[in-house]
Amino acid sequence: MQYKDKKTLTTLLIPTENGWTVVHKKFKTPYGTVTCTETEDSVTAVLDFGEHTAERKEAAEAVLQAIFEESEAQAAVLDGVKTTRESWQTARREQYAALRKTREDYADVLGRPVHCVMDRPLGSAHPRYPDMIYPVNYGYVPGLLAGDNAEQDVYVLGPTEPLKEFTGVIIAVIHRFDDCEDKWVAAEQIGLYTESEIRAILDFQEKYYTSEIVM
C-alpha cells in the first residue's frame, strides 16, 4: 500500500517504509509509531504509543482510513482488533451522513467580507508535495483559528497572478468529512462560480478528501 501524510486534530502521520511516525502536528514532537505488515488481503498494524492514549486513538482512526483507501485490503487488524472493509465503509457512510452541514450552519461565514494573506500564492508548490502546484492563490485569515488549531485556510478564486494579500467575500465552504478543518472559498463577489466549477478548480487538492460544498 501507499503510505501518505495523514492529519488528525492534533497529530501528523509521517510515512516511513512500512508505516508512519506520529508527531505533534505543529511542533513535530514524537507521539509514537505505526508499523504495518501486509498480506494478500489484509494489513496488520501495530501502534506503539506509550501513554499517549488520546493521540493513539486519533492515529488509529487515520491508519484505518489509510489502509482501506490506499490498498485493496479486505480487512485491517489494529492491535489485534479486526475490521472488515465492508463494516468500515458502512460506518463511514453513517458518519458522513451525521456530519453533513447546511447553509444555516455557515450563516456567519457565507457572504462575509474576508481579508487573507497568501502563504501559497498561485504557481507555488506544496511544501511537502513539490509536484503539487497551486493553480489558485491559497492563504489564511490572520488570527482566526480553524478546526486544526491553525489559522483558517482560504482558497481565492479569480485572480490570475500570485498575490500577497486579498480582500473579498466568502462564496462557499468546503466541508471535509475526513479532515478536522473546513476550507473557505473567497472571490471578489458572490455569484461568479457554480458548485461544479468550484469543485473542478480545486480538484487538484480536494480530490484527496471526501467533502461537500456549501454555498
Protein backbone atom coordinates (compact mmCIF):
# COMPACT_ATOMS: atom_id res chain seq x y z
CA MET A 1 0.00 0.00 0.00
CA GLN A 2 0.97 3.65 -0.29
CA TYR A 3 1.96 5.46 2.88
CA LYS A 4 0.98 9.13 2.76
CA ASP A 5 0.81 12.01 5.20
CA LYS A 6 -2.35 11.92 7.29
CA LYS A 7 -3.62 14.64 9.63
CA THR A 8 -5.85 14.43 12.67
CA LEU A 9 -6.84 17.19 15.07
CA THR A 10 -3.54 17.07 16.96
CA THR A 11 -1.24 14.69 15.05
CA LEU A 12 0.56 14.31 11.76
CA LEU A 13 1.33 10.82 10.43
CA ILE A 14 4.62 10.95 8.52
CA PRO A 15 5.21 7.99 6.19
CA THR A 16 8.02 5.51 6.76
CA GLU A 17 8.97 2.44 4.76
CA ASN A 18 6.37 0.26 6.48
CA GLY A 19 4.04 2.62 8.31
CA TRP A 20 4.17 6.02 9.98
CA THR A 21 5.89 8.08 12.60
CA VAL A 22 3.25 10.05 14.51
CA VAL A 23 4.17 13.52 15.73
CA HIS A 24 2.57 16.65 17.15
CA LYS A 25 1.11 18.44 14.14
CA LYS A 26 2.59 21.83 14.96
CA PHE A 27 5.76 21.14 16.97
CA LYS A 28 6.62 17.75 15.38
CA THR A 29 7.46 16.19 18.75
CA PRO A 30 7.00 12.38 18.59
CA TYR A 31 3.99 10.52 19.96
CA GLY A 32 4.65 7.04 18.61
CA THR A 33 4.97 4.78 15.60
CA VAL A 34 2.75 2.62 13.42
CA THR A 35 4.24 -0.49 11.81
CA CYS A 36 2.29 -2.30 9.09
CA THR A 37 2.59 -5.82 7.73
CA GLU A 38 0.75 -6.62 4.51
CA THR A 39 -0.65 -9.95 3.35
CA GLU A 40 -2.62 -10.78 0.22
CA ASP A 41 -5.95 -9.48 1.52
CA SER A 42 -5.25 -7.71 4.82
CA VAL A 43 -2.97 -5.26 6.59
CA THR A 44 -1.90 -5.66 10.20
CA ALA A 45 -0.86 -2.50 12.05
CA VAL A 46 0.85 -2.29 15.43
CA LEU A 47 0.71 1.04 17.25
CA ASP A 48 3.45 1.86 19.76
CA PHE A 49 2.34 4.99 21.63
CA GLY A 50 3.21 4.55 25.26
CA GLU A 51 0.97 6.72 27.42
CA HIS A 52 -0.33 8.99 24.62
CA THR A 53 -3.79 7.40 24.64
CA ALA A 54 -5.78 10.28 23.10
CA GLU A 55 -3.33 10.72 20.25
CA ARG A 56 -3.20 6.94 19.78
CA LYS A 57 -6.98 6.88 19.17
CA GLU A 58 -6.74 9.70 16.60
CA ALA A 59 -3.88 7.97 14.82
CA ALA A 60 -5.66 4.58 14.82
CA GLU A 61 -8.68 6.10 13.05
CA ALA A 62 -6.42 7.73 10.45
CA VAL A 63 -4.49 4.49 9.91
CA LEU A 64 -7.69 2.52 9.37
CA GLN A 65 -8.84 5.04 6.78
CA ALA A 66 -5.46 4.97 5.04
CA ILE A 67 -5.42 1.18 4.82
CA PHE A 68 -8.81 0.96 3.10
CA GLU A 69 -8.24 3.99 0.84
CA GLU A 70 -4.67 3.24 -0.22
CA SER A 71 -4.80 -0.54 -0.60
CA GLU A 72 -7.06 -3.33 -1.80
CA ALA A 73 -7.07 -4.96 1.63
CA GLN A 74 -10.38 -6.51 2.64
CA ALA A 75 -9.53 -6.39 6.33
CA ALA A 76 -7.35 -4.42 8.73
CA VAL A 77 -6.08 -5.62 12.09
CA LEU A 78 -5.07 -2.89 14.55
CA ASP A 79 -3.50 -4.20 17.74
CA GLY A 80 -5.35 -7.48 17.33
CA VAL A 81 -8.77 -5.98 16.53
CA LYS A 82 -10.06 -6.89 13.06
CA THR A 83 -12.17 -4.55 10.92
CA THR A 84 -13.51 -5.59 7.53
CA ARG A 85 -13.69 -3.22 4.58
CA GLU A 86 -17.47 -3.66 4.43
CA SER A 87 -18.01 -2.76 8.09
CA TRP A 88 -15.66 0.22 7.80
CA GLN A 89 -17.48 1.52 4.72
CA THR A 90 -20.84 1.20 6.47
CA ALA A 91 -19.55 3.08 9.50
CA ARG A 92 -18.08 5.82 7.28
CA ARG A 93 -21.35 6.32 5.41
CA GLU A 94 -23.20 6.69 8.69
CA GLN A 95 -20.54 9.07 9.98
CA TYR A 96 -20.67 11.24 6.85
CA ALA A 97 -24.47 11.40 6.98
CA ALA A 98 -24.27 12.66 10.54
CA LEU A 99 -21.62 15.24 9.63
CA ARG A 100 -23.49 16.92 6.77
CA LYS A 101 -23.88 20.70 7.02
CA THR A 102 -26.36 23.25 5.68
CA ARG A 103 -26.27 26.95 4.81
CA GLU A 104 -27.64 27.68 8.25
CA ASP A 105 -24.59 26.06 9.82
CA TYR A 106 -22.40 28.59 7.99
CA ALA A 107 -24.71 31.61 8.24
CA ASP A 108 -21.95 33.59 9.94
CA VAL A 109 -19.40 32.65 7.24
CA LEU A 110 -21.11 32.67 3.84
CA GLY A 111 -21.21 36.15 2.35
CA ARG A 112 -18.94 37.68 4.98
CA PRO A 113 -16.13 40.01 3.91
CA VAL A 114 -12.71 38.48 4.36
CA HIS A 115 -9.11 39.60 4.20
CA CYS A 116 -6.50 36.89 3.79
CA VAL A 117 -2.74 36.59 3.47
CA MET A 118 -1.21 34.23 0.92
CA ASP A 119 1.30 31.67 2.15
CA ARG A 120 0.93 29.58 -1.03
CA PRO A 121 0.39 32.01 -3.90
CA LEU A 122 -0.69 30.88 -7.36
CA GLY A 123 2.10 28.92 -9.04
CA SER A 124 3.82 27.87 -5.80
CA ALA A 125 4.48 24.28 -4.78
CA HIS A 126 3.02 22.42 -1.82
CA PRO A 127 5.63 22.39 0.98
CA ARG A 128 5.52 18.59 1.38
CA TYR A 129 4.48 17.59 -2.14
CA PRO A 130 6.59 19.61 -4.60
CA ASP A 131 4.77 18.14 -7.61
CA MET A 132 1.53 19.80 -6.47
CA ILE A 133 1.46 23.30 -7.94
CA TYR A 134 -1.27 25.66 -6.79
CA PRO A 135 -3.43 26.88 -9.72
CA VAL A 136 -5.09 29.41 -7.39
CA ASN A 137 -3.94 31.64 -4.58
CA TYR A 138 -4.19 29.94 -1.19
CA GLY A 139 -3.85 31.66 2.12
CA TYR A 140 -5.24 32.16 5.59
CA VAL A 141 -7.21 34.60 7.72
CA PRO A 142 -4.79 36.11 10.25
CA GLY A 143 -5.81 35.48 13.84
CA LEU A 144 -8.82 33.28 13.07
CA LEU A 145 -8.29 29.66 14.15
CA ALA A 146 -9.86 26.69 12.33
CA GLY A 147 -10.59 23.14 13.47
CA ASP A 148 -6.94 22.13 13.30
CA ASN A 149 -5.94 24.93 15.69
CA ALA A 150 -4.13 26.73 12.86
CA GLU A 151 -5.33 29.87 11.10
CA GLN A 152 -8.32 29.43 8.80
CA ASP A 153 -7.35 28.43 5.25
CA VAL A 154 -8.87 30.16 2.23
CA TYR A 155 -8.85 29.38 -1.50
CA VAL A 156 -9.01 32.56 -3.60
CA LEU A 157 -10.74 32.27 -6.97
CA GLY A 158 -10.47 34.81 -9.76
CA PRO A 159 -7.04 36.49 -9.72
CA THR A 160 -4.69 35.08 -12.36
CA GLU A 161 -1.43 36.23 -10.82
CA PRO A 162 0.29 35.48 -7.49
CA LEU A 163 -0.97 37.63 -4.64
CA LYS A 164 0.39 38.61 -1.25
CA GLU A 165 -3.00 39.58 0.16
CA PHE A 166 -6.63 39.53 -0.95
CA THR A 167 -9.85 41.15 0.21
CA GLY A 168 -13.14 39.71 -0.97
CA VAL A 169 -16.15 37.71 0.20
CA ILE A 170 -16.67 34.07 1.23
CA ILE A 171 -18.69 32.37 -1.52
CA ALA A 172 -18.51 28.77 -0.28
CA VAL A 173 -17.27 26.46 2.45
CA ILE A 174 -15.70 23.10 1.65
CA HIS A 175 -16.72 20.82 4.50
CA ARG A 176 -14.41 17.82 4.60
CA PHE A 177 -15.87 14.70 6.14
CA ASP A 178 -12.46 13.09 6.65
CA ASP A 179 -10.43 16.02 7.93
CA CYS A 180 -10.51 18.21 11.02
CA GLU A 181 -10.97 21.55 9.25
CA ASP A 182 -13.14 23.31 6.71
CA LYS A 183 -11.73 25.28 3.80
CA TRP A 184 -13.21 28.64 2.87
CA VAL A 185 -13.53 29.79 -0.74
CA ALA A 186 -13.28 33.50 -1.49
CA ALA A 187 -13.87 35.60 -4.60
CA GLU A 188 -14.48 39.24 -5.45
CA GLN A 189 -18.25 38.75 -5.17
CA ILE A 190 -20.94 36.12 -4.82
CA GLY A 191 -22.43 34.53 -7.93
CA LEU A 192 -19.30 34.20 -10.06
CA TYR A 193 -18.94 30.42 -9.72
CA THR A 194 -21.20 27.39 -9.57
CA GLU A 195 -20.65 24.48 -7.21
CA SER A 196 -19.38 22.28 -10.06
CA GLU A 197 -16.95 24.98 -11.19
CA ILE A 198 -15.55 25.34 -7.67
CA ARG A 199 -15.18 21.57 -7.41
CA ALA A 200 -13.31 21.40 -10.73
CA ILE A 201 -10.96 24.30 -9.96
CA LEU A 202 -9.99 22.95 -6.54
CA ASP A 203 -9.81 19.29 -7.51
CA PHE A 204 -6.01 19.45 -7.54
CA GLN A 205 -6.09 19.20 -3.74
CA GLU A 206 -9.66 18.40 -2.73
CA LYS A 207 -9.65 15.12 -4.70
CA TYR A 208 -7.73 13.63 -1.79
CA TYR A 209 -10.67 14.24 0.59
CA THR A 210 -14.34 13.40 0.83
CA SER A 211 -16.27 16.63 1.10
CA GLU A 212 -19.37 18.68 0.36
CA ILE A 213 -19.51 22.27 -0.87
CA VAL A 214 -21.93 24.56 0.97
CA MET A 215 -22.81 27.79 -0.84
